[in-house]
Amino acid sequence: MAARWAAQILPHRANSVDLCPSCRVVVLTVESMTAQQSTVADIQSHLHGLCAKIPGAWGHECSRLAGKVPNIVEWLKANEGSAKFCSQMGICTSGY
């Protein structure tokens, strides 16, 4: 199932910049706000504001993932939660 989501969520790598921190910010925010019963629209609005403050490729990746919130919410519900999301999606190379 992770492969199905990966096709929809995988990043466009920017000059081999480590995009893992952006993924972590987005996924932990989505997980936290979902637990607080926030709507997808509220989560996306919050993330877009947050991502706008992050410079360079990290901010771009953060914004791109913020646009994928519905997919991320479904993935988190269907899988193991946020702890493995970024590595299973190929965004983080180890752990998380």
N, C-alpha and C. Protein backbone atom coordinates (compact mmCIF):
# COMPACT_ATOMS: atom_id res chain seq x y z
N MET A 1 0.82 -1.19 0.00
CA MET A 1 0.00 0.00 0.00
C MET A 1 0.87 1.26 0.00
N ALA A 2 2.01 1.20 0.63
CA ALA A 2 2.89 2.37 0.66
C ALA A 2 3.30 2.79 -0.74
N ALA A 3 3.48 1.84 -1.64
CA ALA A 3 3.87 2.17 -3.00
C ALA A 3 2.80 3.01 -3.70
N ARG A 4 1.54 2.70 -3.44
CA ARG A 4 0.45 3.47 -4.04
C ARG A 4 0.50 4.92 -3.59
N TRP A 5 0.74 5.13 -2.31
CA TRP A 5 0.81 6.50 -1.79
C TRP A 5 2.09 7.19 -2.25
N ALA A 6 3.15 6.44 -2.35
CA ALA A 6 4.42 7.02 -2.76
C ALA A 6 4.30 7.67 -4.13
N ALA A 7 3.59 7.06 -5.02
CA ALA A 7 3.43 7.62 -6.36
C ALA A 7 2.73 8.97 -6.33
N GLN A 8 1.88 9.19 -5.35
CA GLN A 8 1.15 10.44 -5.24
C GLN A 8 1.88 11.50 -4.41
N ILE A 9 2.79 11.07 -3.56
CA ILE A 9 3.38 11.98 -2.58
C ILE A 9 4.86 12.22 -2.78
N LEU A 10 5.58 11.30 -3.42
CA LEU A 10 7.03 11.42 -3.52
C LEU A 10 7.49 12.79 -3.99
N PRO A 11 8.55 13.29 -3.41
CA PRO A 11 9.03 14.64 -3.74
C PRO A 11 9.77 14.70 -5.06
N HIS A 12 9.85 15.88 -5.56
CA HIS A 12 10.72 16.16 -6.68
C HIS A 12 12.01 16.67 -6.05
N ARG A 13 13.04 15.87 -6.03
CA ARG A 13 14.29 16.23 -5.36
C ARG A 13 14.92 17.46 -5.99
N ALA A 14 15.35 18.36 -5.16
CA ALA A 14 15.97 19.61 -5.62
C ALA A 14 17.45 19.59 -5.31
N ASN A 15 18.25 19.29 -6.31
CA ASN A 15 19.71 19.30 -6.16
C ASN A 15 20.18 18.53 -4.92
N SER A 16 19.62 17.38 -4.68
CA SER A 16 19.93 16.50 -3.56
C SER A 16 19.94 17.20 -2.20
N VAL A 17 19.06 18.16 -2.02
CA VAL A 17 18.86 18.79 -0.71
C VAL A 17 18.10 17.78 0.15
N ASP A 18 18.48 17.65 1.41
CA ASP A 18 17.79 16.73 2.32
C ASP A 18 16.44 17.34 2.68
N LEU A 19 15.38 16.76 2.14
CA LEU A 19 14.03 17.28 2.36
C LEU A 19 13.34 16.63 3.55
N CYS A 20 14.05 15.78 4.26
CA CYS A 20 13.50 15.07 5.40
C CYS A 20 12.91 16.01 6.47
N PRO A 21 13.59 17.09 6.86
CA PRO A 21 13.01 17.97 7.88
C PRO A 21 11.64 18.53 7.48
N SER A 22 11.48 18.87 6.22
CA SER A 22 10.19 19.39 5.76
C SER A 22 9.11 18.33 5.89
N CYS A 23 9.44 17.12 5.51
CA CYS A 23 8.48 16.03 5.62
C CYS A 23 8.07 15.82 7.07
N ARG A 24 9.03 15.82 7.94
CA ARG A 24 8.73 15.62 9.37
C ARG A 24 7.79 16.70 9.90
N VAL A 25 8.06 17.95 9.56
CA VAL A 25 7.20 19.06 10.00
C VAL A 25 5.77 18.85 9.52
N VAL A 26 5.63 18.54 8.24
CA VAL A 26 4.30 18.38 7.66
C VAL A 26 3.56 17.20 8.29
N VAL A 27 4.21 16.05 8.35
CA VAL A 27 3.54 14.85 8.83
C VAL A 27 3.18 14.95 10.30
N LEU A 28 4.07 15.47 11.11
CA LEU A 28 3.75 15.62 12.54
C LEU A 28 2.62 16.63 12.75
N THR A 29 2.59 17.69 11.93
CA THR A 29 1.51 18.67 12.02
C THR A 29 0.19 18.03 11.61
N VAL A 30 0.20 17.30 10.52
CA VAL A 30 -1.03 16.62 10.07
C VAL A 30 -1.51 15.65 11.13
N GLU A 31 -0.62 14.87 11.68
CA GLU A 31 -1.00 13.89 12.70
C GLU A 31 -1.58 14.58 13.93
N SER A 32 -0.92 15.62 14.40
CA SER A 32 -1.37 16.34 15.58
C SER A 32 -2.73 17.01 15.36
N MET A 33 -2.87 17.69 14.23
CA MET A 33 -4.11 18.41 13.97
C MET A 33 -5.27 17.46 13.68
N THR A 34 -4.97 16.31 13.08
CA THR A 34 -6.01 15.30 12.85
C THR A 34 -6.52 14.78 14.18
N ALA A 35 -5.62 14.55 15.11
CA ALA A 35 -6.01 14.08 16.44
C ALA A 35 -6.88 15.09 17.18
N GLN A 36 -6.72 16.37 16.81
CA GLN A 36 -7.52 17.44 17.42
C GLN A 36 -8.81 17.70 16.64
N GLN A 37 -9.11 16.80 15.70
CA GLN A 37 -10.32 16.89 14.89
C GLN A 37 -10.34 18.09 13.94
N SER A 38 -9.19 18.60 13.55
CA SER A 38 -9.11 19.70 12.59
C SER A 38 -9.52 19.18 11.21
N THR A 39 -10.10 20.05 10.42
CA THR A 39 -10.48 19.67 9.06
C THR A 39 -9.25 19.69 8.15
N VAL A 40 -9.35 19.04 7.01
CA VAL A 40 -8.27 19.05 6.03
C VAL A 40 -7.98 20.49 5.61
N ALA A 41 -9.02 21.27 5.40
CA ALA A 41 -8.83 22.67 5.00
C ALA A 41 -8.08 23.46 6.07
N ASP A 42 -8.42 23.23 7.34
CA ASP A 42 -7.71 23.92 8.43
C ASP A 42 -6.25 23.51 8.48
N ILE A 43 -5.99 22.22 8.29
CA ILE A 43 -4.62 21.73 8.32
C ILE A 43 -3.82 22.34 7.17
N GLN A 44 -4.40 22.34 5.98
CA GLN A 44 -3.70 22.89 4.82
C GLN A 44 -3.43 24.38 5.01
N SER A 45 -4.40 25.11 5.52
CA SER A 45 -4.22 26.55 5.74
C SER A 45 -3.09 26.80 6.73
N HIS A 46 -3.08 26.05 7.82
CA HIS A 46 -2.03 26.19 8.83
C HIS A 46 -0.66 25.88 8.23
N LEU A 47 -0.59 24.77 7.49
CA LEU A 47 0.69 24.37 6.90
C LEU A 47 1.19 25.36 5.86
N HIS A 48 0.31 25.88 5.02
CA HIS A 48 0.75 26.84 4.01
C HIS A 48 1.34 28.08 4.68
N GLY A 49 0.74 28.52 5.79
CA GLY A 49 1.30 29.65 6.53
C GLY A 49 2.65 29.32 7.13
N LEU A 50 2.77 28.13 7.68
CA LEU A 50 4.03 27.68 8.26
C LEU A 50 5.10 27.51 7.19
N CYS A 51 4.75 26.87 6.09
CA CYS A 51 5.70 26.60 5.01
C CYS A 51 6.22 27.89 4.38
N ALA A 52 5.38 28.91 4.34
CA ALA A 52 5.79 30.19 3.75
C ALA A 52 6.94 30.82 4.51
N LYS A 53 7.14 30.42 5.75
CA LYS A 53 8.21 30.97 6.59
C LYS A 53 9.51 30.17 6.49
N ILE A 54 9.45 29.02 5.81
CA ILE A 54 10.63 28.16 5.68
C ILE A 54 11.33 28.49 4.37
N PRO A 55 12.63 28.80 4.40
CA PRO A 55 13.33 29.23 3.19
C PRO A 55 13.69 28.08 2.23
N GLY A 56 13.87 28.42 0.99
CA GLY A 56 14.47 27.56 -0.03
C GLY A 56 13.71 26.29 -0.32
N ALA A 57 14.49 25.25 -0.65
CA ALA A 57 13.92 23.96 -1.05
C ALA A 57 13.08 23.34 0.05
N TRP A 58 13.44 23.56 1.30
CA TRP A 58 12.64 23.01 2.40
C TRP A 58 11.25 23.61 2.40
N GLY A 59 11.16 24.91 2.22
CA GLY A 59 9.86 25.57 2.17
C GLY A 59 9.04 25.12 0.99
N HIS A 60 9.71 24.96 -0.15
CA HIS A 60 9.01 24.49 -1.35
C HIS A 60 8.45 23.08 -1.13
N GLU A 61 9.26 22.20 -0.58
CA GLU A 61 8.81 20.83 -0.32
C GLU A 61 7.71 20.81 0.73
N CYS A 62 7.83 21.64 1.74
CA CYS A 62 6.80 21.75 2.77
C CYS A 62 5.47 22.15 2.13
N SER A 63 5.49 23.16 1.27
CA SER A 63 4.28 23.62 0.58
C SER A 63 3.70 22.54 -0.33
N ARG A 64 4.59 21.84 -1.03
CA ARG A 64 4.13 20.77 -1.91
C ARG A 64 3.43 19.67 -1.12
N LEU A 65 4.02 19.28 0.00
CA LEU A 65 3.39 18.26 0.84
C LEU A 65 2.11 18.77 1.48
N ALA A 66 2.06 20.04 1.80
CA ALA A 66 0.84 20.62 2.38
C ALA A 66 -0.33 20.47 1.42
N GLY A 67 -0.05 20.51 0.14
CA GLY A 67 -1.09 20.30 -0.86
C GLY A 67 -1.56 18.86 -0.95
N LYS A 68 -0.82 17.96 -0.32
CA LYS A 68 -1.14 16.53 -0.34
C LYS A 68 -1.77 16.06 0.97
N VAL A 69 -2.26 16.99 1.78
CA VAL A 69 -2.80 16.63 3.09
C VAL A 69 -3.87 15.54 3.02
N PRO A 70 -4.82 15.59 2.09
CA PRO A 70 -5.82 14.50 2.07
C PRO A 70 -5.17 13.12 1.89
N ASN A 71 -4.15 13.02 1.03
CA ASN A 71 -3.45 11.75 0.84
C ASN A 71 -2.69 11.34 2.10
N ILE A 72 -2.07 12.30 2.75
CA ILE A 72 -1.30 12.01 3.96
C ILE A 72 -2.22 11.53 5.07
N VAL A 73 -3.38 12.18 5.24
CA VAL A 73 -4.35 11.77 6.26
C VAL A 73 -4.79 10.33 6.00
N GLU A 74 -5.12 10.00 4.77
CA GLU A 74 -5.53 8.63 4.44
C GLU A 74 -4.41 7.65 4.74
N TRP A 75 -3.18 8.00 4.37
CA TRP A 75 -2.04 7.11 4.61
C TRP A 75 -1.86 6.88 6.10
N LEU A 76 -1.93 7.94 6.89
CA LEU A 76 -1.73 7.81 8.33
C LEU A 76 -2.80 6.92 8.96
N LYS A 77 -4.03 7.03 8.48
CA LYS A 77 -5.12 6.21 9.01
C LYS A 77 -4.95 4.74 8.62
N ALA A 78 -4.44 4.50 7.41
CA ALA A 78 -4.35 3.14 6.89
C ALA A 78 -3.06 2.43 7.28
N ASN A 79 -2.07 3.16 7.78
CA ASN A 79 -0.76 2.57 8.05
C ASN A 79 -0.35 2.77 9.49
N GLU A 80 0.92 2.85 9.73
CA GLU A 80 1.48 2.84 11.07
C GLU A 80 1.62 4.21 11.73
N GLY A 81 1.07 5.23 11.16
CA GLY A 81 1.23 6.56 11.72
C GLY A 81 2.43 7.27 11.14
N SER A 82 2.81 8.35 11.78
CA SER A 82 3.82 9.24 11.21
C SER A 82 5.25 8.74 11.33
N ALA A 83 5.52 7.87 12.26
CA ALA A 83 6.91 7.50 12.55
C ALA A 83 7.67 6.96 11.35
N LYS A 84 6.99 6.28 10.44
CA LYS A 84 7.68 5.68 9.30
C LYS A 84 7.29 6.31 7.98
N PHE A 85 6.39 7.25 7.98
CA PHE A 85 5.87 7.82 6.75
C PHE A 85 6.98 8.37 5.84
N CYS A 86 7.81 9.24 6.36
CA CYS A 86 8.81 9.92 5.53
C CYS A 86 9.83 8.96 4.96
N SER A 87 10.23 7.96 5.72
CA SER A 87 11.19 6.99 5.19
C SER A 87 10.52 6.05 4.19
N GLN A 88 9.30 5.63 4.44
CA GLN A 88 8.62 4.74 3.51
C GLN A 88 8.27 5.44 2.20
N MET A 89 8.12 6.74 2.24
CA MET A 89 7.83 7.51 1.03
C MET A 89 9.11 7.85 0.26
N GLY A 90 10.27 7.51 0.85
CA GLY A 90 11.54 7.77 0.17
C GLY A 90 12.05 9.19 0.35
N ILE A 91 11.44 9.93 1.25
CA ILE A 91 11.85 11.32 1.49
C ILE A 91 13.01 11.37 2.48
N CYS A 92 12.92 10.55 3.52
CA CYS A 92 14.02 10.43 4.49
C CYS A 92 14.76 9.13 4.19
N THR A 93 16.08 9.19 4.21
CA THR A 93 16.86 8.03 3.84
C THR A 93 17.06 7.04 4.98
N SER A 94 16.92 7.48 6.21
CA SER A 94 17.08 6.55 7.32
C SER A 94 16.21 6.99 8.48
N GLY A 95 15.70 5.99 9.15
CA GLY A 95 14.96 6.23 10.37
C GLY A 95 13.76 7.12 10.23
N TYR A 96 13.67 7.98 11.14
CA TYR A 96 12.62 8.88 11.50
C TYR A 96 11.64 8.08 12.26
